[in-house]
Amino acid sequence: MPPSSPTLLTPYGYSSGTCGYCSPAGKRSQRSTSSKYGMVAEQMTPEFYQLLIDRGWRRSGDYVYHPDMARTCCPQYTIRLNSTNFKGNKKHRQVVNRFNRFLETGQKSGEEESSSTINVEGKAKAVNGKGKGKGKDNKTSKRDFLDNLHRYEIGYIQKDEEESLAHRFETKLVPAKATSQTFELYKAYQVAVHKDKPEKVTMRGFDRFLCGKTLIDTPIKYTEDVEEDIKDGQLPKTYGQYHLLYKVDSQIIGISVIDILPNCVSSVYFIWHPDWAWASLGKLSALYEISLARRMREKGAQGMEWVYMGYWIPNCQKMKYKSEYSPSELLDPGTNTFHLLDKTLETFVIKNPKGYFPFANVTSSHSTHNKQDGANKLSSPDKDAIGSSDNTEEVSDEESDEESPSTIPHPPPPGFEDMSRITDEDVEDVLLLMGRNKYTKSGGKLIPIINLEFRNQQAMYTEIKEFLSAVGKDNVVSTSGGISGKAVLYLG
């Protein structure tokens, strides 16, 4: 019998589709230049997804994919931020001070300062010049930067302070479920910012892309009492998929779509109301996600340290902000080793926007090896770049015109295992889940591949070898390798 809640992966295969990064907003590339290997996760444990993102994977709904960093038109690097050591810079302080000034006085950025500002209830509020982004407010200069972030947030201030504010601001962590309110904000954002056609933005697409239950809820073990924090929507009870809602005067103005995993808060997408462009909510939301990771760690969630900010594309202007949060690290996709993102490394990847170049060629210091390195050897280790001459805010693959899957090219994508080292015996050792009830999503038996017959055995063996190459054969349930913490091959 399989474990009660295993990770179930169904290979989709290697494919290419149009790209939304190297094209104007609302459009995609004319050619299929975005190459990746993908698979569908009917369900996945947070622990296994943590392992995958530490190997360069990301998910979009139940679709989990790994860019071919040697051949794709816009290489997408995994970037993570150390939340414990994070210190905001001048730009971050300006964003926080600007928003706090609005909450306190009702004055928006760009509005002329007057002796008084009228809030939504018609009450006058004196403007005393505090919080102008200069970082010189005597009352807050000694505060921790992230404490200042929560300075006027409901739940962090006293009742009498709440009544004196021009606007009521609160955040709330809720399960990632599609509601009429969250969908309407998503639709407004997609149409105004990404130039999507209104009729193309559907509740079904929103639910598939940014909601759902792909990740299995798993209890978080805190060392401190967090019952009230969980009840108030300030901390999560389980690892899994969440929406962090930002509300002003009870209206949702932004949504951080996040995955909370054993070692990180992983940013999936951020949605903001077009009327709030002045507030730089994207930058503000990143600070709140950093604060969430830090607060979880302070409450005793062991291992919680990082904020994974999705993918970072060196020559993509809309992603430039991600490198402004430090100390951050980039994953070398060929070795699954994290390296400090300093000016030297940033300059290197910007000057080499296509093809895979080992980070070891740039720096050998400040690297952090993952526990799950596996046998990630490149097929052409003597070459500095692979595929570099073959190709002349997050973007969803939801609308990509994906081609039919093809075989993994040679050499395989950086970080994949060399398929020549994966034998028929390795394939036959894999356990396949069969007989699972598709309605109750339960039951089934694990059957060794060697005990099964296929109409086209060669094609099936090739597909499974590619799957083992992509995921790592040591991370897949087999007769000789055990079950705990591994993924189960499931063909539906």
Protein backbone atom coordinates (compact mmCIF):
# COMPACT_ATOMS: atom_id res chain seq x y z
CA MET A 1 0.00 0.00 0.00
CA PRO A 2 1.20 3.55 -0.72
CA PRO A 3 1.61 6.01 2.19
CA SER A 4 -1.65 7.73 3.17
CA SER A 5 -0.78 11.10 1.57
CA PRO A 6 2.04 10.59 -0.93
CA THR A 7 3.36 12.97 -3.53
CA LEU A 8 1.86 11.80 -6.85
CA LEU A 9 3.63 12.89 -10.04
CA THR A 10 2.54 12.28 -13.63
CA PRO A 11 5.16 13.08 -16.29
CA TYR A 12 4.11 15.52 -18.99
CA GLY A 13 7.49 15.60 -20.65
CA TYR A 14 9.82 18.05 -22.36
CA SER A 15 8.13 20.73 -24.43
CA SER A 16 8.44 24.24 -25.80
CA GLY A 17 5.88 27.02 -25.86
CA THR A 18 5.53 30.73 -26.41
CA CYS A 19 7.15 33.09 -23.89
CA GLY A 20 5.52 35.92 -21.94
CA TYR A 21 8.78 37.46 -20.72
CA CYS A 22 10.44 38.58 -23.96
CA SER A 23 7.32 40.26 -25.37
CA PRO A 24 5.12 43.30 -24.60
CA ALA A 25 2.50 43.11 -21.84
CA GLY A 26 -0.49 41.02 -22.88
CA LYS A 27 1.41 39.31 -25.70
CA ARG A 28 3.60 36.25 -26.08
CA SER A 29 6.52 35.46 -28.33
CA GLN A 30 5.71 34.47 -31.89
CA ARG A 31 7.88 31.36 -31.76
CA SER A 32 7.97 28.50 -29.25
CA THR A 33 11.20 29.51 -27.55
CA SER A 34 10.41 28.74 -23.90
CA SER A 35 11.64 25.20 -23.21
CA LYS A 36 10.96 23.21 -20.08
CA TYR A 37 10.28 19.79 -18.60
CA GLY A 38 6.92 19.49 -16.86
CA MET A 39 4.81 17.13 -14.82
CA VAL A 40 1.43 17.20 -13.11
CA ALA A 41 1.17 16.82 -9.33
CA GLU A 42 -2.23 15.52 -8.31
CA GLN A 43 -1.02 16.09 -4.78
CA MET A 44 2.33 16.94 -3.26
CA THR A 45 3.75 17.17 0.24
CA PRO A 46 5.26 20.53 1.23
CA GLU A 47 8.46 18.68 2.11
CA PHE A 48 8.81 17.27 -1.39
CA TYR A 49 8.02 20.59 -3.02
CA GLN A 50 10.75 22.16 -0.87
CA LEU A 51 13.14 19.59 -2.31
CA LEU A 52 12.00 20.44 -5.85
CA ILE A 53 12.33 24.21 -5.59
CA ASP A 54 15.82 23.68 -4.20
CA ARG A 55 16.50 21.96 -7.53
CA GLY A 56 15.11 24.80 -9.67
CA TRP A 57 11.45 23.73 -10.03
CA ARG A 58 8.33 25.88 -9.67
CA ARG A 59 4.63 25.14 -9.83
CA SER A 60 1.71 26.83 -11.56
CA GLY A 61 -1.40 25.26 -10.13
CA ASP A 62 -0.82 21.51 -10.31
CA TYR A 63 1.67 21.87 -13.18
CA VAL A 64 5.27 21.63 -11.95
CA TYR A 65 8.02 22.65 -14.34
CA HIS A 66 11.77 23.11 -14.69
CA PRO A 67 13.13 25.46 -17.37
CA ASP A 68 15.80 24.10 -19.68
CA MET A 69 18.36 26.65 -18.59
CA ALA A 70 20.66 25.84 -21.52
CA ARG A 71 18.10 26.34 -24.28
CA THR A 72 15.13 28.41 -23.12
CA CYS A 73 14.94 31.96 -24.45
CA CYS A 74 14.73 33.56 -20.99
CA PRO A 75 16.63 31.54 -18.35
CA GLN A 76 14.76 31.68 -15.06
CA TYR A 77 16.95 31.52 -11.97
CA THR A 78 15.67 30.47 -8.56
CA ILE A 79 16.27 33.36 -6.18
CA ARG A 80 15.90 33.29 -2.41
CA LEU A 81 16.29 35.87 0.34
CA ASN A 82 17.59 35.31 3.87
CA SER A 83 14.74 36.75 5.95
CA THR A 84 16.72 36.59 9.20
CA ASN A 85 19.54 38.80 7.95
CA PHE A 86 17.43 41.08 5.76
CA LYS A 87 17.82 44.82 6.26
CA GLY A 88 15.76 47.24 4.23
CA ASN A 89 17.41 49.84 2.04
CA LYS A 90 16.43 53.45 1.41
CA LYS A 91 13.88 52.48 -1.29
CA HIS A 92 12.16 50.03 1.05
CA ARG A 93 11.97 52.62 3.82
CA GLN A 94 10.46 55.14 1.43
CA VAL A 95 7.77 52.64 0.39
CA VAL A 96 6.89 51.85 4.01
CA ASN A 97 6.92 55.50 5.11
CA ARG A 98 4.76 56.55 2.15
CA PHE A 99 2.15 53.89 2.96
CA ASN A 100 2.25 54.61 6.70
CA ARG A 101 1.75 58.33 6.05
CA PHE A 102 -1.35 57.50 4.02
CA LEU A 103 -2.75 55.30 6.82
CA GLU A 104 -2.02 57.94 9.44
CA THR A 105 -3.07 61.09 7.60
CA GLY A 106 -4.91 60.03 4.46
CA GLN A 107 -2.32 61.77 2.28
CA LYS A 108 -1.27 59.90 -0.86
CA SER A 109 2.09 60.13 -2.52
CA GLY A 110 2.20 63.06 -4.92
CA GLU A 111 -0.52 65.03 -3.18
CA GLU A 112 0.38 68.46 -1.94
CA GLU A 113 0.93 68.61 1.78
CA SER A 114 -1.48 70.84 3.66
CA SER A 115 -2.03 71.69 7.28
CA SER A 116 -4.72 69.07 7.46
CA THR A 117 -6.02 66.16 5.45
CA ILE A 118 -9.61 64.92 5.52
CA ASN A 119 -10.07 61.17 5.93
CA VAL A 120 -12.92 59.06 4.53
CA GLU A 121 -15.16 59.79 7.52
CA GLY A 122 -14.70 63.53 7.14
CA LYS A 123 -12.45 63.86 10.20
CA ALA A 124 -9.51 66.25 10.05
CA LYS A 125 -6.09 64.78 10.67
CA ALA A 126 -3.06 66.99 11.25
CA VAL A 127 -0.11 66.43 8.96
CA ASN A 128 3.02 66.83 11.02
CA GLY A 129 5.61 65.96 8.40
CA LYS A 130 6.41 62.48 9.71
CA GLY A 131 7.16 59.56 7.39
CA LYS A 132 8.32 61.41 4.29
CA GLY A 133 10.69 58.63 3.24
CA LYS A 134 13.72 60.35 4.77
CA GLY A 135 14.12 57.76 7.51
CA LYS A 136 14.57 60.47 10.15
CA ASP A 137 11.46 60.09 12.26
CA ASN A 138 12.89 60.09 15.80
CA LYS A 139 10.17 57.78 17.05
CA THR A 140 11.01 55.08 14.52
CA SER A 141 14.72 55.47 13.83
CA LYS A 142 15.58 52.93 16.52
CA ARG A 143 12.81 50.54 15.61
CA ASP A 144 13.51 47.34 13.74
CA PHE A 145 12.68 48.02 10.09
CA LEU A 146 9.99 45.33 9.94
CA ASP A 147 8.43 46.63 13.17
CA ASN A 148 7.90 49.93 11.38
CA LEU A 149 6.22 47.93 8.60
CA HIS A 150 3.44 46.97 11.05
CA ARG A 151 3.33 50.36 12.76
CA TYR A 152 -0.25 51.20 11.74
CA GLU A 153 -1.61 47.72 11.16
CA ILE A 154 -4.68 46.47 12.98
CA GLY A 155 -3.64 43.79 15.44
CA TYR A 156 -0.31 45.45 16.15
CA ILE A 157 -1.57 48.71 17.68
CA GLN A 158 -3.81 49.68 20.58
CA LYS A 159 -7.51 50.45 20.16
CA ASP A 160 -7.10 54.14 20.88
CA GLU A 161 -4.42 54.35 18.19
CA GLU A 162 -6.77 52.68 15.68
CA GLU A 163 -9.37 55.41 16.19
CA SER A 164 -6.87 58.16 15.43
CA LEU A 165 -5.87 56.79 12.03
CA ALA A 166 -7.26 58.05 8.74
CA HIS A 167 -7.55 54.53 7.33
CA ARG A 168 -7.90 51.07 8.80
CA PHE A 169 -5.28 48.65 7.43
CA GLU A 170 -5.13 44.94 8.16
CA THR A 171 -3.63 41.76 6.74
CA LYS A 172 -5.10 38.29 6.98
CA LEU A 173 -3.67 34.90 6.04
CA VAL A 174 -6.35 32.61 4.57
CA PRO A 175 -6.37 29.33 2.62
CA ALA A 176 -5.92 29.81 -1.13
CA LYS A 177 -9.57 29.57 -2.16
CA ALA A 178 -11.28 31.41 -5.00
CA THR A 179 -13.94 33.85 -3.81
CA SER A 180 -15.94 36.48 -5.67
CA GLN A 181 -13.90 39.25 -4.01
CA THR A 182 -10.49 37.79 -4.77
CA PHE A 183 -11.49 36.90 -8.33
CA GLU A 184 -12.77 40.40 -9.09
CA LEU A 185 -9.47 41.88 -7.93
CA TYR A 186 -7.54 39.31 -9.98
CA LYS A 187 -9.59 40.15 -13.07
CA ALA A 188 -9.10 43.91 -12.65
CA TYR A 189 -5.36 43.38 -12.24
CA GLN A 190 -4.97 41.07 -15.24
CA VAL A 191 -6.92 43.40 -17.54
CA ALA A 192 -5.28 46.65 -16.42
CA VAL A 193 -1.70 45.50 -15.82
CA HIS A 194 -1.20 42.49 -18.09
CA LYS A 195 -3.61 43.70 -20.79
CA ASP A 196 -5.60 40.47 -20.81
CA LYS A 197 -8.96 40.50 -22.56
CA PRO A 198 -11.76 40.55 -19.94
CA GLU A 199 -13.51 37.54 -21.46
CA LYS A 200 -10.31 35.52 -21.17
CA VAL A 201 -10.06 36.03 -17.40
CA THR A 202 -12.23 33.35 -15.80
CA MET A 203 -12.95 32.09 -12.32
CA ARG A 204 -11.89 28.62 -13.47
CA GLY A 205 -8.51 29.89 -14.63
CA PHE A 206 -8.02 31.82 -11.40
CA ASP A 207 -8.87 28.75 -9.34
CA ARG A 208 -6.50 26.51 -11.33
CA PHE A 209 -3.64 28.99 -11.45
CA LEU A 210 -3.63 30.60 -8.00
CA CYS A 211 -5.87 28.54 -5.74
CA GLY A 212 -6.58 24.81 -5.39
CA LYS A 213 -5.19 22.17 -3.08
CA THR A 214 -2.12 20.73 -4.80
CA LEU A 215 -0.05 20.93 -1.61
CA ILE A 216 -1.09 18.64 1.21
CA ASP A 217 -1.79 20.53 4.44
CA THR A 218 0.84 19.45 6.97
CA PRO A 219 0.89 20.69 10.61
CA ILE A 220 3.58 23.18 11.57
CA LYS A 221 5.35 22.53 14.86
CA TYR A 222 5.95 25.77 16.76
CA THR A 223 7.83 25.88 20.04
CA GLU A 224 5.78 28.82 21.31
CA ASP A 225 2.05 29.35 21.80
CA VAL A 226 0.64 30.69 18.52
CA GLU A 227 -3.06 29.91 18.99
CA GLU A 228 -4.13 33.57 18.96
CA ASP A 229 -1.86 34.40 16.02
CA ILE A 230 -3.39 31.57 13.99
CA LYS A 231 -6.92 32.56 14.99
CA ASP A 232 -6.27 36.17 13.93
CA GLY A 233 -4.87 35.13 10.55
CA GLN A 234 -1.33 36.29 11.37
CA LEU A 235 0.41 32.90 11.28
CA PRO A 236 -0.37 29.63 9.45
CA LYS A 237 -1.40 26.44 11.23
CA THR A 238 -0.19 24.18 8.44
CA TYR A 239 2.25 24.22 5.55
CA GLY A 240 0.38 24.64 2.28
CA GLN A 241 -1.17 27.19 -0.09
CA TYR A 242 -2.32 30.60 1.16
CA HIS A 243 -3.57 34.03 0.19
CA LEU A 244 -2.22 36.89 2.29
CA LEU A 245 -4.89 39.57 1.97
CA TYR A 246 -4.16 43.28 2.31
CA LYS A 247 -7.22 45.32 3.28
CA VAL A 248 -7.80 49.05 3.61
CA ASP A 249 -11.12 50.05 5.15
CA SER A 250 -12.31 46.43 4.69
CA GLN A 251 -11.59 46.46 0.94
CA ILE A 252 -9.03 44.03 -0.49
CA ILE A 253 -6.35 46.04 -2.30
CA GLY A 254 -3.76 43.29 -2.75
CA ILE A 255 -3.22 39.54 -2.52
CA SER A 256 0.05 37.72 -1.96
CA VAL A 257 -0.36 34.22 -3.35
CA ILE A 258 2.17 32.15 -1.40
CA ASP A 259 3.20 28.62 -0.58
CA ILE A 260 4.39 28.07 2.98
CA LEU A 261 6.96 25.27 3.06
CA PRO A 262 9.22 23.82 5.78
CA ASN A 263 12.13 26.16 5.04
CA CYS A 264 10.53 29.10 3.28
CA VAL A 265 7.69 31.34 2.28
CA SER A 266 7.53 30.90 -1.50
CA SER A 267 6.04 33.76 -3.54
CA VAL A 268 3.76 32.54 -6.30
CA TYR A 269 2.05 35.70 -7.57
CA PHE A 270 1.02 39.14 -6.39
CA ILE A 271 -2.24 40.84 -7.34
CA TRP A 272 -2.94 44.52 -6.69
CA HIS A 273 -5.74 46.92 -7.48
CA PRO A 274 -4.86 49.28 -10.36
CA ASP A 275 -6.06 52.30 -8.32
CA TRP A 276 -3.23 51.63 -5.86
CA ALA A 277 -0.31 51.84 -8.29
CA TRP A 278 0.98 54.87 -6.35
CA ALA A 279 1.61 52.73 -3.24
CA SER A 280 4.18 50.30 -4.76
CA LEU A 281 2.23 47.41 -3.27
CA GLY A 282 4.46 44.84 -4.98
CA LYS A 283 7.47 46.01 -3.00
CA LEU A 284 5.39 46.35 0.14
CA SER A 285 4.06 42.81 -0.21
CA ALA A 286 7.59 41.42 -0.47
CA LEU A 287 8.37 43.04 2.88
CA TYR A 288 5.28 41.48 4.45
CA GLU A 289 6.31 38.05 3.15
CA ILE A 290 9.76 38.56 4.67
CA SER A 291 8.12 39.56 7.94
CA LEU A 292 5.92 36.43 7.86
CA ALA A 293 8.94 34.13 7.47
CA ARG A 294 10.77 35.92 10.27
CA ARG A 295 7.79 35.83 12.64
CA MET A 296 7.31 32.09 12.01
CA ARG A 297 10.96 31.50 12.86
CA GLU A 298 10.72 33.63 16.00
CA LYS A 299 7.73 31.57 17.13
CA GLY A 300 9.74 28.37 16.80
CA ALA A 301 8.97 27.03 13.30
CA GLN A 302 12.26 25.21 12.93
CA GLY A 303 13.95 25.53 9.54
CA MET A 304 11.97 28.58 8.46
CA GLU A 305 14.50 31.08 7.15
CA TRP A 306 14.03 31.97 3.49
CA VAL A 307 11.70 33.82 1.17
CA TYR A 308 11.80 32.33 -2.33
CA MET A 309 10.82 35.15 -4.67
CA GLY A 310 10.02 32.96 -7.66
CA TYR A 311 12.23 33.11 -10.71
CA TRP A 312 14.61 35.93 -11.53
CA ILE A 313 15.35 36.75 -15.17
CA PRO A 314 18.48 38.92 -15.49
CA ASN A 315 17.37 41.01 -18.49
CA CYS A 316 13.70 41.33 -17.45
CA GLN A 317 13.07 44.85 -16.16
CA LYS A 318 9.90 43.92 -14.27
CA MET A 319 11.92 41.45 -12.18
CA LYS A 320 14.81 43.75 -11.40
CA TYR A 321 13.33 44.60 -8.00
CA LYS A 322 14.00 41.08 -6.73
CA SER A 323 17.76 41.63 -6.71
CA GLU A 324 17.26 44.74 -4.54
CA TYR A 325 16.41 42.58 -1.51
CA SER A 326 19.53 41.33 0.22
CA PRO A 327 21.19 39.14 1.20
CA SER A 328 19.84 37.03 -1.67
CA GLU A 329 21.18 33.92 -3.35
CA LEU A 330 20.88 32.49 -6.85
CA LEU A 331 20.72 28.79 -7.61
CA ASP A 332 23.31 27.46 -10.04
CA PRO A 333 20.94 25.26 -12.09
CA GLY A 334 23.67 22.83 -13.08
CA THR A 335 24.91 21.99 -9.59
CA ASN A 336 21.90 22.89 -7.45
CA THR A 337 24.17 25.07 -5.33
CA PHE A 338 23.14 28.48 -4.05
CA HIS A 339 25.57 31.39 -4.47
CA LEU A 340 25.47 34.84 -2.92
CA LEU A 341 23.96 37.28 -5.41
CA ASP A 342 26.59 40.00 -5.28
CA LYS A 343 27.48 42.56 -7.94
CA THR A 344 29.98 40.20 -9.56
CA LEU A 345 27.45 37.40 -10.08
CA GLU A 346 24.65 39.77 -11.08
CA THR A 347 26.84 41.44 -13.70
CA PHE A 348 27.90 38.05 -15.03
CA VAL A 349 24.39 36.67 -15.58
CA ILE A 350 23.18 39.97 -17.06
CA LYS A 351 26.02 39.87 -19.59
CA ASN A 352 25.21 36.22 -20.37
CA PRO A 353 21.41 36.26 -20.67
CA LYS A 354 21.11 32.97 -22.59
CA GLY A 355 22.66 29.56 -22.19
CA TYR A 356 24.03 27.89 -19.07
CA PHE A 357 27.27 29.12 -17.53
CA PRO A 358 28.44 27.44 -14.29
CA PHE A 359 28.63 29.92 -11.42
CA ALA A 360 31.93 28.37 -10.36
CA ASN A 361 33.44 30.25 -13.29
CA VAL A 362 32.48 33.47 -11.54
CA THR A 363 32.99 32.86 -7.85
CA SER A 364 33.86 30.01 -5.54
CA SER A 365 32.97 31.80 -2.31
CA HIS A 366 29.74 32.18 -0.34
CA SER A 367 28.16 29.04 -1.83
CA THR A 368 25.66 26.85 -0.02
CA HIS A 369 25.23 23.24 -1.09
CA ASN A 370 21.76 21.74 -0.79
CA LYS A 371 21.21 18.56 1.12
CA GLN A 372 19.65 17.08 -2.02
CA ASP A 373 22.38 17.56 -4.61
CA GLY A 374 21.93 14.14 -6.20
CA ALA A 375 24.00 13.10 -9.20
CA ASN A 376 23.62 16.33 -11.08
CA LYS A 377 26.49 15.96 -13.53
CA LEU A 378 26.43 17.70 -16.88
CA SER A 379 26.92 15.58 -19.95
CA SER A 380 29.55 18.03 -21.25
CA PRO A 381 31.44 19.11 -18.12
CA ASP A 382 34.36 20.46 -20.11
CA LYS A 383 32.25 23.17 -21.75
CA ASP A 384 31.69 26.51 -20.05
CA ALA A 385 28.39 27.14 -21.79
CA ILE A 386 25.73 24.81 -23.08
CA GLY A 387 23.23 25.94 -25.70
CA SER A 388 24.41 29.55 -25.62
CA SER A 389 24.48 29.81 -29.42
CA ASP A 390 21.27 27.91 -30.09
CA ASN A 391 18.82 30.64 -29.15
CA THR A 392 18.57 33.95 -30.68
CA GLU A 393 6.33 40.61 -12.02
CA GLU A 394 5.74 36.72 -12.73
CA VAL A 395 4.19 35.66 -16.00
CA SER A 396 1.76 32.76 -16.03
CA ASP A 397 2.17 29.83 -18.39
CA GLU A 398 -1.62 29.54 -18.39
CA GLU A 399 -1.95 30.87 -21.95
CA SER A 400 1.21 29.39 -23.44
CA ASP A 401 0.66 27.67 -26.78
CA GLU A 402 2.44 24.53 -25.65
CA GLU A 403 3.63 22.09 -28.26
CA SER A 404 3.24 18.34 -27.85
CA PRO A 405 5.90 16.81 -25.60
CA SER A 406 9.11 15.60 -27.20
CA THR A 407 12.12 13.74 -25.89
CA ILE A 408 14.67 15.43 -23.66
CA PRO A 409 17.51 16.75 -25.86
CA HIS A 410 21.15 15.77 -25.47
CA PRO A 411 22.85 16.91 -23.35
CA PRO A 412 19.95 17.10 -20.86
CA PRO A 413 18.95 20.36 -19.17
CA PRO A 414 21.42 21.55 -16.50
CA GLY A 415 20.66 19.90 -13.17
CA PHE A 416 19.12 16.77 -14.72
CA GLU A 417 20.82 13.42 -14.33
CA ASP A 418 22.64 12.00 -17.33
CA MET A 419 20.18 9.59 -18.94
CA SER A 420 22.99 7.33 -20.11
CA ARG A 421 23.48 6.48 -16.43
CA ILE A 422 19.84 5.43 -15.98
CA THR A 423 19.39 1.79 -16.92
CA ASP A 424 16.42 -0.42 -17.74
CA GLU A 425 16.97 -1.99 -14.33
CA ASP A 426 16.49 1.42 -12.71
CA VAL A 427 13.18 1.77 -14.55
CA GLU A 428 12.02 -1.71 -13.60
CA ASP A 429 12.82 -0.95 -9.96
CA VAL A 430 10.32 1.95 -9.90
CA LEU A 431 6.97 1.41 -8.17
CA LEU A 432 3.92 2.61 -10.12
CA LEU A 433 0.66 3.49 -8.32
CA MET A 434 -2.27 1.65 -9.91
CA GLY A 435 -5.94 1.17 -9.06
CA ARG A 436 -6.39 4.54 -7.32
CA ASN A 437 -10.03 5.66 -7.08
CA LYS A 438 -10.20 8.82 -9.18
CA TYR A 439 -13.36 10.02 -7.40
CA THR A 440 -12.33 9.54 -3.77
CA LYS A 441 -8.64 10.01 -4.65
CA SER A 442 -7.67 7.17 -2.40
CA GLY A 443 -6.53 3.56 -2.46
CA GLY A 444 -4.45 1.82 -5.06
CA LYS A 445 -1.42 -0.46 -5.04
CA LEU A 446 2.26 0.06 -5.75
CA ILE A 447 3.36 -2.29 -8.52
CA PRO A 448 6.98 -2.70 -9.70
CA ILE A 449 7.40 -1.70 -13.34
CA ILE A 450 9.08 -5.03 -14.00
CA ASN A 451 5.77 -6.79 -13.25
CA LEU A 452 3.85 -4.83 -15.88
CA GLU A 453 3.46 -5.16 -19.62
CA PHE A 454 3.18 -2.16 -21.93
CA ARG A 455 1.97 -1.94 -25.50
CA ASN A 456 5.10 0.04 -26.40
CA GLN A 457 7.63 -0.87 -23.76
CA GLN A 458 10.51 1.10 -25.29
CA ALA A 459 8.51 4.32 -25.38
CA MET A 460 7.30 3.81 -21.81
CA TYR A 461 10.81 3.06 -20.54
CA THR A 462 12.13 6.19 -22.27
CA GLU A 463 9.41 8.32 -20.65
CA ILE A 464 10.22 6.94 -17.20
CA LYS A 465 13.96 7.42 -17.74
CA GLU A 466 13.32 11.07 -18.57
CA PHE A 467 11.20 11.39 -15.44
CA LEU A 468 13.99 9.89 -13.31
CA SER A 469 16.52 12.17 -14.98
CA ALA A 470 14.41 15.24 -14.20
CA VAL A 471 13.35 14.46 -10.63
CA GLY A 472 16.36 12.39 -9.57
CA LYS A 473 16.02 8.64 -9.32
CA ASP A 474 16.82 8.74 -5.60
CA ASN A 475 13.73 10.90 -5.07
CA VAL A 476 11.27 8.43 -6.62
CA VAL A 477 9.69 5.47 -4.79
CA SER A 478 11.27 2.17 -5.81
CA THR A 479 11.56 -1.39 -4.54
CA SER A 480 15.11 -0.84 -3.34
CA GLY A 481 15.00 2.78 -2.18
CA GLY A 482 12.14 2.98 0.27
CA ILE A 483 9.08 5.23 0.36
CA SER A 484 9.45 7.92 3.00
CA GLY A 485 9.84 11.47 1.67
CA LYS A 486 9.77 10.39 -1.98
CA ALA A 487 7.42 10.83 -4.90
CA VAL A 488 5.23 8.13 -6.40
CA LEU A 489 4.99 7.69 -10.16
CA TYR A 490 1.31 7.89 -11.11
CA LEU A 491 -0.03 7.68 -14.66
CA GLY A 492 -3.66 8.49 -13.83
